[in-house]
Amino acid sequence: MLLLLTVINLFTALSVVNTLSMATAGRRREFAPLRPAGAQSAQVLRMPAWEAVLTCAVALLPAAVVCGSVLVPLGIALTGSAVPALPGGPLAALTAGALVLTAGTVTLAGLLAVRSAAAAPGGPARAVS
């Protein structure tokens, strides 16, 4: 069972990394005018990182509701208690891992997007393949 959950979590993480990388790379033209306007690279990179963390935090709320809607009836059926017997450590690690994965992916993809030729003002646009 643990192996199945690990594979599911790794596949989900891979999907999140791929989606966030492509979405951030698509924002190159949005990042381009920020540098000539006086923004430092760190400021440009913090913007999508905070957006990603906020989006991830907001997405964790409906995920908790969906999990609760499954685990509460299951807990009542199996143990007679509506409170699911879930350890706090793995849940906190999963939440922190999601936030770190999201922020790290967007920051790395943003760094590559800012440094690319398409992000340079007046630079040649390249097709993303």
C-alpha atoms as a PDB file:
ATOM      1  CA  MET A   1       0.000   0.000   0.000  1.00  0.00           C
ATOM      2  CA  LEU A   2       2.827   2.376   0.879  1.00  0.00           C
ATOM      3  CA  LEU A   3       4.532   1.609  -2.425  1.00  0.00           C
ATOM      4  CA  LEU A   4       1.345   2.466  -4.323  1.00  0.00           C
ATOM      5  CA  LEU A   5       0.981   5.773  -2.465  1.00  0.00           C
ATOM      6  CA  THR A   6       4.626   6.608  -3.137  1.00  0.00           C
ATOM      7  CA  VAL A   7       4.234   5.975  -6.865  1.00  0.00           C
ATOM      8  CA  ILE A   8       1.054   8.077  -6.966  1.00  0.00           C
ATOM      9  CA  ASN A   9       2.764  10.945  -5.116  1.00  0.00           C
ATOM     10  CA  LEU A  10       5.818  10.815  -7.405  1.00  0.00           C
ATOM     11  CA  PHE A  11       3.644  10.849 -10.513  1.00  0.00           C
ATOM     12  CA  THR A  12       1.677  13.784  -9.113  1.00  0.00           C
ATOM     13  CA  ALA A  13       4.902  15.642  -8.312  1.00  0.00           C
ATOM     14  CA  LEU A  14       6.187  15.036 -11.841  1.00  0.00           C
ATOM     15  CA  SER A  15       2.939  16.362 -13.289  1.00  0.00           C
ATOM     16  CA  VAL A  16       3.084  19.456 -11.080  1.00  0.00           C
ATOM     17  CA  VAL A  17       6.698  20.162 -12.029  1.00  0.00           C
ATOM     18  CA  ASN A  18       5.939  19.779 -15.736  1.00  0.00           C
ATOM     19  CA  THR A  19       2.845  21.984 -15.614  1.00  0.00           C
ATOM     20  CA  LEU A  20       4.499  24.734 -13.580  1.00  0.00           C
ATOM     21  CA  SER A  21       7.646  24.689 -15.736  1.00  0.00           C
ATOM     22  CA  MET A  22       5.658  25.124 -18.927  1.00  0.00           C
ATOM     23  CA  ALA A  23       3.418  27.814 -17.427  1.00  0.00           C
ATOM     24  CA  THR A  24       6.385  29.797 -16.123  1.00  0.00           C
ATOM     25  CA  ALA A  25       8.306  29.450 -19.389  1.00  0.00           C
ATOM     26  CA  GLY A  26       5.243  30.855 -21.151  1.00  0.00           C
ATOM     27  CA  ARG A  27       5.524  34.005 -19.061  1.00  0.00           C
ATOM     28  CA  ARG A  28       8.866  35.105 -20.567  1.00  0.00           C
ATOM     29  CA  ARG A  29       7.329  38.070 -22.336  1.00  0.00           C
ATOM     30  CA  GLU A  30       5.732  39.126 -19.060  1.00  0.00           C
ATOM     31  CA  PHE A  31       9.121  39.089 -17.299  1.00  0.00           C
ATOM     32  CA  ALA A  32      10.958  40.943 -20.088  1.00  0.00           C
ATOM     33  CA  PRO A  33       9.785  44.524 -19.361  1.00  0.00           C
ATOM     34  CA  LEU A  34      10.391  44.191 -15.619  1.00  0.00           C
ATOM     35  CA  ARG A  35      14.177  44.239 -15.850  1.00  0.00           C
ATOM     36  CA  PRO A  36      14.462  47.492 -17.879  1.00  0.00           C
ATOM     37  CA  ALA A  37      11.890  49.032 -15.522  1.00  0.00           C
ATOM     38  CA  GLY A  38      14.371  48.621 -12.673  1.00  0.00           C
ATOM     39  CA  ALA A  39      13.371  45.313 -11.099  1.00  0.00           C
ATOM     40  CA  GLN A  40      16.211  43.140  -9.913  1.00  0.00           C
ATOM     41  CA  SER A  41      16.362  39.474 -10.910  1.00  0.00           C
ATOM     42  CA  ALA A  42      15.549  38.401  -7.365  1.00  0.00           C
ATOM     43  CA  GLN A  43      12.426  40.580  -7.356  1.00  0.00           C
ATOM     44  CA  VAL A  44      11.294  39.172 -10.687  1.00  0.00           C
ATOM     45  CA  LEU A  45      11.799  35.617  -9.393  1.00  0.00           C
ATOM     46  CA  ARG A  46      10.046  36.231  -6.061  1.00  0.00           C
ATOM     47  CA  MET A  47       6.873  37.343  -7.831  1.00  0.00           C
ATOM     48  CA  PRO A  48       6.024  33.977  -9.474  1.00  0.00           C
ATOM     49  CA  ALA A  49       7.327  32.071  -6.437  1.00  0.00           C
ATOM     50  CA  TRP A  50       4.877  33.824  -4.097  1.00  0.00           C
ATOM     51  CA  GLU A  51       2.095  33.383  -6.652  1.00  0.00           C
ATOM     52  CA  ALA A  52       2.839  29.660  -6.755  1.00  0.00           C
ATOM     53  CA  VAL A  53       2.943  29.314  -2.958  1.00  0.00           C
ATOM     54  CA  LEU A  54      -0.363  31.160  -2.621  1.00  0.00           C
ATOM     55  CA  THR A  55      -1.954  29.043  -5.342  1.00  0.00           C
ATOM     56  CA  CYS A  56      -0.670  25.854  -3.702  1.00  0.00           C
ATOM     57  CA  ALA A  57      -1.952  26.904  -0.282  1.00  0.00           C
ATOM     58  CA  VAL A  58      -5.375  27.708  -1.709  1.00  0.00           C
ATOM     59  CA  ALA A  59      -5.422  24.375  -3.598  1.00  0.00           C
ATOM     60  CA  LEU A  60      -4.646  22.451  -0.406  1.00  0.00           C
ATOM     61  CA  LEU A  61      -7.917  23.627   1.175  1.00  0.00           C
ATOM     62  CA  PRO A  62     -10.255  21.936  -1.344  1.00  0.00           C
ATOM     63  CA  ALA A  63      -7.935  18.915  -1.299  1.00  0.00           C
ATOM     64  CA  ALA A  64      -8.445  18.656   2.462  1.00  0.00           C
ATOM     65  CA  VAL A  65     -12.219  18.933   2.020  1.00  0.00           C
ATOM     66  CA  VAL A  66     -12.240  16.164  -0.595  1.00  0.00           C
ATOM     67  CA  CYS A  67     -10.044  13.931   1.555  1.00  0.00           C
ATOM     68  CA  GLY A  68     -12.243  14.624   4.562  1.00  0.00           C
ATOM     69  CA  SER A  69     -15.378  13.768   2.621  1.00  0.00           C
ATOM     70  CA  VAL A  70     -13.900  10.334   1.955  1.00  0.00           C
ATOM     71  CA  LEU A  71     -12.114   9.707   5.256  1.00  0.00           C
ATOM     72  CA  VAL A  72     -14.902  10.769   7.641  1.00  0.00           C
ATOM     73  CA  PRO A  73     -17.459   8.221   6.367  1.00  0.00           C
ATOM     74  CA  LEU A  74     -14.725   5.589   6.182  1.00  0.00           C
ATOM     75  CA  GLY A  75     -13.686   6.354   9.760  1.00  0.00           C
ATOM     76  CA  ILE A  76     -17.275   6.121  10.947  1.00  0.00           C
ATOM     77  CA  ALA A  77     -17.723   2.785   9.176  1.00  0.00           C
ATOM     78  CA  LEU A  78     -14.472   1.271  10.428  1.00  0.00           C
ATOM     79  CA  THR A  79     -13.929   2.737  13.891  1.00  0.00           C
ATOM     80  CA  GLY A  80     -17.182   4.466  14.794  1.00  0.00           C
ATOM     81  CA  SER A  81     -15.383   7.812  15.099  1.00  0.00           C
ATOM     82  CA  ALA A  82     -15.780  10.709  12.685  1.00  0.00           C
ATOM     83  CA  VAL A  83     -12.221  11.873  13.387  1.00  0.00           C
ATOM     84  CA  PRO A  84      -9.834  10.119  10.994  1.00  0.00           C
ATOM     85  CA  ALA A  85      -6.803   8.574  12.679  1.00  0.00           C
ATOM     86  CA  LEU A  86      -4.154  10.305  10.597  1.00  0.00           C
ATOM     87  CA  PRO A  87      -0.687  11.071  11.947  1.00  0.00           C
ATOM     88  CA  GLY A  88       0.192  14.755  11.778  1.00  0.00           C
ATOM     89  CA  GLY A  89       3.823  14.263  10.742  1.00  0.00           C
ATOM     90  CA  PRO A  90       3.257  12.813   7.265  1.00  0.00           C
ATOM     91  CA  LEU A  91       0.462  15.308   6.592  1.00  0.00           C
ATOM     92  CA  ALA A  92       2.705  18.215   7.541  1.00  0.00           C
ATOM     93  CA  ALA A  93       5.540  16.766   5.440  1.00  0.00           C
ATOM     94  CA  LEU A  94       3.214  16.378   2.456  1.00  0.00           C
ATOM     95  CA  THR A  95       1.988  19.960   2.813  1.00  0.00           C
ATOM     96  CA  ALA A  96       5.493  21.370   3.212  1.00  0.00           C
ATOM     97  CA  GLY A  97       6.726  19.240   0.320  1.00  0.00           C
ATOM     98  CA  ALA A  98       3.977  20.560  -1.938  1.00  0.00           C
ATOM     99  CA  LEU A  99       4.838  24.157  -1.061  1.00  0.00           C
ATOM    100  CA  VAL A 100       8.592  23.652  -1.517  1.00  0.00           C
ATOM    101  CA  LEU A 101       8.117  21.744  -4.779  1.00  0.00           C
ATOM    102  CA  THR A 102       5.838  24.440  -6.152  1.00  0.00           C
ATOM    103  CA  ALA A 103       8.031  27.381  -5.159  1.00  0.00           C
ATOM    104  CA  GLY A 104      11.242  25.646  -6.230  1.00  0.00           C
ATOM    105  CA  THR A 105       9.921  24.656  -9.635  1.00  0.00           C
ATOM    106  CA  VAL A 106       8.566  28.099 -10.419  1.00  0.00           C
ATOM    107  CA  THR A 107      11.736  29.807  -9.191  1.00  0.00           C
ATOM    108  CA  LEU A 108      14.008  27.583 -11.276  1.00  0.00           C
ATOM    109  CA  ALA A 109      11.816  27.873 -14.376  1.00  0.00           C
ATOM    110  CA  GLY A 110      11.576  31.636 -13.807  1.00  0.00           C
ATOM    111  CA  LEU A 111      15.347  31.903 -13.541  1.00  0.00           C
ATOM    112  CA  LEU A 112      15.741  30.111 -16.858  1.00  0.00           C
ATOM    113  CA  ALA A 113      13.020  32.271 -18.422  1.00  0.00           C
ATOM    114  CA  VAL A 114      14.612  35.519 -17.215  1.00  0.00           C
ATOM    115  CA  ARG A 115      18.022  34.473 -18.535  1.00  0.00           C
ATOM    116  CA  SER A 116      16.745  33.288 -21.908  1.00  0.00           C
ATOM    117  CA  ALA A 117      17.154  35.369 -25.041  1.00  0.00           C
ATOM    118  CA  ALA A 118      13.403  35.870 -25.367  1.00  0.00           C
ATOM    119  CA  ALA A 119      13.308  37.579 -21.990  1.00  0.00           C
ATOM    120  CA  ALA A 120      15.924  40.132 -23.005  1.00  0.00           C
ATOM    121  CA  PRO A 121      14.419  43.385 -24.241  1.00  0.00           C
ATOM    122  CA  GLY A 122      14.551  43.390 -28.011  1.00  0.00           C
ATOM    123  CA  GLY A 123      15.961  39.872 -28.012  1.00  0.00           C
ATOM    124  CA  PRO A 124      14.958  37.379 -30.644  1.00  0.00           C
ATOM    125  CA  ALA A 125      11.927  35.313 -29.825  1.00  0.00           C
ATOM    126  CA  ARG A 126      12.476  31.568 -29.811  1.00  0.00           C
ATOM    127  CA  ALA A 127       9.860  28.910 -30.271  1.00  0.00           C
ATOM    128  CA  VAL A 128       9.409  26.695 -27.234  1.00  0.00           C
ATOM    129  CA  SER A 129       9.401  23.085 -28.262  1.00  0.00           C
END
